[in-house]
Protein backbone atom coordinates (compact mmCIF):
# COMPACT_ATOMS: atom_id res chain seq x y z
CA UNK A 1 -19.68 67.17 54.08
CA UNK A 2 -18.46 63.72 53.07
CA UNK A 3 -22.04 62.37 53.01
CA UNK A 4 -23.16 65.27 50.81
CA UNK A 5 -20.33 64.50 48.39
CA UNK A 6 -21.42 60.85 48.26
CA UNK A 7 -25.01 61.86 47.55
CA UNK A 8 -23.96 64.24 44.81
CA UNK A 9 -21.74 61.56 43.28
CA UNK A 10 -24.66 59.11 43.40
CA UNK A 11 -26.90 61.58 41.64
CA UNK A 12 -24.22 62.22 39.00
CA UNK A 13 -23.92 58.50 38.32
CA UNK A 14 -27.69 58.08 38.23
CA UNK A 15 -27.98 60.97 35.80
CA UNK A 16 -25.60 59.18 33.46
CA UNK A 17 -27.60 55.94 33.69
CA UNK A 18 -30.92 57.71 33.29
CA UNK A 19 -30.05 58.89 29.80
CA UNK A 20 -29.47 55.26 28.76
CA UNK A 21 -31.94 52.42 28.24
CA UNK A 22 -32.46 51.67 31.93
CA UNK A 23 -34.05 54.36 34.08
CA UNK A 24 -33.72 54.83 37.81
CA UNK A 25 -36.35 56.71 39.78
CA UNK A 26 -34.69 58.29 42.79
CA UNK A 27 -34.94 61.39 44.92
CA UNK A 28 -32.63 62.40 47.76
CA UNK A 29 -33.86 64.49 50.67
CA UNK A 30 -31.63 65.91 53.39
CA UNK A 31 -33.23 67.14 56.60
CA UNK A 32 -31.06 68.92 59.14
CA UNK A 33 -32.16 70.21 62.52
CA UNK A 34 -30.69 73.60 63.39
CA UNK A 35 -30.67 73.89 67.20
CA UNK A 36 -29.83 77.58 67.21
CA UNK A 37 -32.70 78.58 64.90
CA UNK A 38 -34.99 75.76 66.08
CA UNK A 39 -35.76 74.85 62.49
CA UNK A 40 -35.51 72.01 60.03
CA UNK A 41 -33.69 72.86 56.82
CA UNK A 42 -34.60 70.54 53.97
CA UNK A 43 -33.10 70.04 50.53
CA UNK A 44 -34.72 67.65 48.06
CA UNK A 45 -33.20 66.68 44.71
CA UNK A 46 -35.37 65.20 41.94
CA UNK A 47 -34.95 64.73 38.21
CA UNK A 48 -36.49 67.68 36.35
CA UNK A 49 -38.34 65.66 33.70
CA UNK A 50 -39.92 63.30 36.23
CA UNK A 51 -41.00 66.16 38.48
CA UNK A 52 -42.42 68.14 35.55
CA UNK A 53 -44.41 65.07 34.47
CA UNK A 54 -45.88 64.48 37.92
CA UNK A 55 -46.88 68.16 38.33
CA UNK A 56 -48.57 68.21 34.93
CA UNK A 57 -50.40 64.94 35.54
CA UNK A 58 -51.39 65.65 39.14
CA UNK A 59 -52.63 69.22 38.57
CA UNK A 60 -53.78 68.85 34.96
CA UNK A 61 -51.38 71.65 34.11
CA UNK A 62 -48.99 72.60 31.33
CA UNK A 63 -45.90 73.38 33.36
CA UNK A 64 -42.47 73.64 31.79
CA UNK A 65 -39.59 73.30 34.24
CA UNK A 66 -36.66 74.95 32.56
CA UNK A 67 -34.05 77.39 33.70
CA UNK A 68 -34.35 79.19 30.36
CA UNK A 69 -38.12 79.21 29.82
CA UNK A 70 -40.16 78.30 32.87
CA UNK A 71 -43.91 78.40 32.27
CA UNK A 72 -47.07 77.90 34.28
CA UNK A 73 -47.94 78.11 37.97
CA UNK A 74 -44.64 76.49 38.93
CA UNK A 75 -44.05 77.70 42.52
CA UNK A 76 -47.68 77.27 43.52
CA UNK A 77 -47.89 73.71 42.20
CA UNK A 78 -44.51 72.68 43.61
CA UNK A 79 -45.53 73.96 47.04
CA UNK A 80 -48.90 72.20 46.83
CA UNK A 81 -47.34 68.91 45.68
CA UNK A 82 -44.66 68.94 48.38
CA UNK A 83 -47.31 69.67 51.01
CA UNK A 84 -49.19 66.55 49.93
CA UNK A 85 -46.21 64.22 49.45
CA UNK A 86 -43.59 65.20 52.04
CA UNK A 87 -44.78 65.21 55.63
CA UNK A 88 -42.94 65.39 58.94
CA UNK A 89 -44.05 64.75 62.49
CA UNK A 90 -41.77 65.43 65.47
CA UNK A 91 -42.64 64.11 68.92
CA UNK A 92 -46.24 63.52 67.80
CA UNK A 93 -46.78 66.97 66.27
CA UNK A 94 -47.36 67.49 62.53
CA UNK A 95 -44.95 70.07 61.14
CA UNK A 96 -45.78 72.77 58.60
CA UNK A 97 -43.38 72.79 55.65
CA UNK A 98 -42.58 76.09 53.94
CA UNK A 99 -41.41 75.81 50.34
CA UNK A 100 -38.69 78.45 49.88
CA UNK A 101 -37.67 78.00 46.27
CA UNK A 102 -35.68 75.96 43.81
CA UNK A 103 -32.69 75.93 41.53
CA UNK A 104 -31.67 73.91 38.52
CA UNK A 105 -28.57 71.72 38.56
CA UNK A 106 -28.00 69.95 35.23
CA UNK A 107 -30.92 67.49 34.91
CA UNK A 108 -31.95 67.88 38.56
CA UNK A 109 -34.23 70.22 40.42
CA UNK A 110 -33.05 71.25 43.89
CA UNK A 111 -35.95 72.17 46.18
CA UNK A 112 -35.47 74.19 49.36
CA UNK A 113 -37.91 73.77 52.25
CA UNK A 114 -37.91 74.90 55.87
CA UNK A 115 -39.88 74.17 59.01
CA UNK A 116 -39.70 76.92 61.61
CA UNK A 117 -40.32 76.85 65.36
CA UNK A 118 -39.39 73.22 65.92
CA UNK A 119 -38.61 72.44 69.53
CA UNK A 120 -35.90 69.89 70.24
CA UNK A 121 -37.20 66.39 69.58
CA UNK A 122 -36.30 62.74 70.17
CA UNK A 123 -38.39 61.18 67.43
CA UNK A 124 -39.27 62.21 63.90
CA UNK A 125 -41.63 60.49 61.50
CA UNK A 126 -40.93 61.07 57.82
CA UNK A 127 -43.38 60.42 54.99
CA UNK A 128 -41.93 60.83 51.51
CA UNK A 129 -44.28 59.95 48.65
CA UNK A 130 -42.55 62.15 46.09
CA UNK A 131 -43.05 60.68 42.61
CA UNK A 132 -44.46 57.39 43.95
CA UNK A 133 -47.80 58.33 42.39
CA UNK A 134 -46.12 58.35 38.96
CA UNK A 135 -43.50 55.60 39.22
CA UNK A 136 -44.08 52.26 40.94
CA UNK A 137 -40.35 51.74 41.44
CA UNK A 138 -39.59 55.24 42.76
CA UNK A 139 -37.09 55.24 45.66
CA UNK A 140 -36.77 58.18 48.03
CA UNK A 141 -33.60 58.34 50.11
CA UNK A 142 -33.92 60.52 53.21
CA UNK A 143 -31.04 61.58 55.47
CA UNK A 144 -31.94 63.19 58.79
CA UNK A 145 -29.25 64.98 60.79
CA UNK A 146 -29.89 65.92 64.42
CA UNK A 147 -27.15 67.08 66.83
CA UNK A 148 -24.42 65.98 64.44
CA UNK A 149 -25.79 62.43 64.05
CA UNK A 150 -27.19 61.35 60.67
CA UNK A 151 -29.66 58.52 60.13
CA UNK A 152 -30.95 57.43 56.74
CA UNK A 153 -34.15 55.95 55.33
CA UNK A 154 -35.11 54.35 52.04
CA UNK A 155 -38.79 55.04 51.38
CA UNK A 156 -40.86 53.75 48.46
CA UNK A 157 -44.41 52.89 47.46
CA UNK A 158 -46.06 50.69 50.13
CA UNK A 159 -43.38 51.87 52.59
CA UNK A 160 -43.58 55.66 52.49
CA UNK A 161 -43.38 56.38 56.22
CA UNK A 162 -40.81 55.54 58.87
CA UNK A 163 -39.79 56.85 62.30
CA UNK A 164 -36.32 57.70 63.52
CA UNK A 165 -35.31 58.10 67.15
CA UNK A 166 -32.44 60.32 68.26
CA UNK A 167 -31.08 59.92 71.81
């Protein structure tokens, strides 16, 4: 809970800086393994305007991400983009991500994803290329929690994939 509070505080601070002259390009992804359900529960936070821009550019679309007036093939394109840019592999097996939905939180988009039927694992490989195709200096922070232990990664262009081992 403390780590989530720190992440939310970081995003709040970054939101304040983003509206100024200097922009930060950051996403935060939390991946938690649920032993009981044998699933990975994933939450990714991105800035709405950046994500809207990448969807429109990547899919030659006219998507409007807005809580008040959402337009275009939003869910379909979000799911397609996440499938291309966020990939997981546990114990040598590629995992199938299921985009569940989203919600708006101020200037951020909160994306909910799940991977079902994941057997217990010792090693997970995470690839996070979210927004790196639009911003050279995009940083993607990833926190992975397995059996109560959290490990973190900082992924970016030219370094989009890393492995974590859990004893």
